[in-house]
Structure formats: C-alpha cells, structure tokens
Amino acid sequence: MNCVDFVELVTEFLEGALPEADERRFIEHLAECSGCESYLDQFRQTIATTGELTPDNISPDARQQLLSAFRGWHRQ
C-alpha cells in the first residue's frame, strides 16, 4: 500500500469497514510510514474536535467558513 491508498482508506478504517485484507495492508503501511501515522493522528484529532461542535458553541461566522470550505471540496 502506498500513501495515496492509505489516505483514501482512512475513513473506512476508522469506521471498522475495511475488508480484512485491506485492514492488514493498512496497518502494515502505518507501521512503516511515520507520515501516515501523523496523518491518522491528525484525522482522529479533527474528528474529536469537530464532534464537539454544536450550534451553541460555534460562532455563525465560523460555521459559515466551515460550510464554505466543505462546499468547495470535492473528491478527485
């Protein structure tokens, strides 16, 4: 597995939705690649932080900025 494949599979990995063979390849790559280890840690931190966001604790401006960023994002 290369880093591009790793990034594509992060969400499925975290959701426990990878087939066993892909999960094994994912973990093997993770053990060998410090860059992907950092990426996975950042992804987990982002999920933890955004999971705490509610309409009560985010400003309307910040909410609009997030929505705009995600509207402009698309998978290639």
Protein backbone atom coordinates (compact mmCIF):
# COMPACT_ATOMS: atom_id res chain seq x y z
CA MET A 1 0.00 0.00 0.00
CA ASN A 2 1.24 3.48 -0.75
CA CYS A 3 0.40 6.74 1.00
CA VAL A 4 -2.28 7.74 -1.52
CA ASP A 5 -4.10 4.44 -0.98
CA PHE A 6 -3.74 4.90 2.78
CA VAL A 7 -5.35 8.35 2.73
CA GLU A 8 -8.23 7.04 0.62
CA LEU A 9 -8.97 4.33 3.21
CA VAL A 10 -8.65 6.29 6.47
CA THR A 11 -12.38 6.88 6.96
CA GLU A 12 -13.27 3.27 6.27
CA PHE A 13 -10.51 2.14 8.65
CA LEU A 14 -11.76 4.35 11.46
CA GLU A 15 -15.32 3.11 10.90
CA GLY A 16 -14.16 -0.52 11.02
CA ALA A 17 -15.46 -1.03 7.49
CA LEU A 18 -12.33 -2.26 5.71
CA PRO A 19 -12.18 -5.82 4.45
CA GLU A 20 -9.71 -7.86 6.50
CA ALA A 21 -7.03 -7.95 3.79
CA ASP A 22 -7.18 -4.17 3.27
CA GLU A 23 -7.10 -3.55 7.01
CA ARG A 24 -3.99 -5.71 7.31
CA ARG A 25 -2.28 -3.79 4.47
CA PHE A 26 -3.37 -0.50 6.07
CA ILE A 27 -1.86 -1.42 9.44
CA GLU A 28 1.33 -2.73 7.83
CA HIS A 29 1.76 0.57 5.98
CA LEU A 30 1.01 2.51 9.15
CA ALA A 31 3.79 0.64 10.98
CA GLU A 32 6.30 1.65 8.31
CA CYS A 33 5.28 5.23 7.48
CA SER A 34 5.60 7.98 10.08
CA GLY A 35 3.94 10.48 7.72
CA CYS A 36 0.79 8.39 7.51
CA GLU A 37 0.91 7.79 11.26
CA SER A 38 0.88 11.57 11.75
CA TYR A 39 -1.93 11.93 9.21
CA LEU A 40 -4.06 9.35 11.04
CA ASP A 41 -3.41 11.09 14.37
CA GLN A 42 -4.43 14.45 12.87
CA PHE A 43 -7.54 12.88 11.37
CA ARG A 44 -8.52 11.45 14.76
CA GLN A 45 -7.92 14.81 16.45
CA THR A 46 -10.05 16.57 13.82
CA ILE A 47 -12.89 14.11 14.36
CA ALA A 48 -12.67 14.57 18.13
CA THR A 49 -12.68 18.35 17.84
CA THR A 50 -15.43 18.68 15.26
CA GLY A 51 -17.51 16.13 17.12
CA GLU A 52 -17.73 18.65 19.93
CA LEU A 53 -19.09 21.42 17.69
CA THR A 54 -22.72 22.37 18.12
CA PRO A 55 -24.74 25.39 17.04
CA ASP A 56 -24.42 26.58 20.65
CA ASN A 57 -20.61 26.62 20.76
CA ILE A 58 -19.59 27.79 17.28
CA SER A 59 -19.98 31.32 16.02
CA PRO A 60 -22.13 31.92 12.95
CA ASP A 61 -19.06 33.20 11.09
CA ALA A 62 -17.02 30.07 11.90
CA ARG A 63 -19.96 27.89 10.87
CA GLN A 64 -20.20 29.68 7.51
CA GLN A 65 -16.45 29.33 6.94
CA LEU A 66 -16.62 25.59 7.60
CA LEU A 67 -19.63 25.14 5.35
CA SER A 68 -17.94 27.12 2.57
CA ALA A 69 -14.77 25.07 2.86
CA PHE A 70 -16.68 21.80 2.58
CA ARG A 71 -18.87 23.02 -0.28
CA GLY A 72 -15.75 23.76 -2.29
CA TRP A 73 -14.17 20.40 -1.51
CA HIS A 74 -14.60 17.52 -3.88
CA ARG A 75 -13.02 14.14 -4.23
CA GLN A 76 -10.93 13.56 -7.31
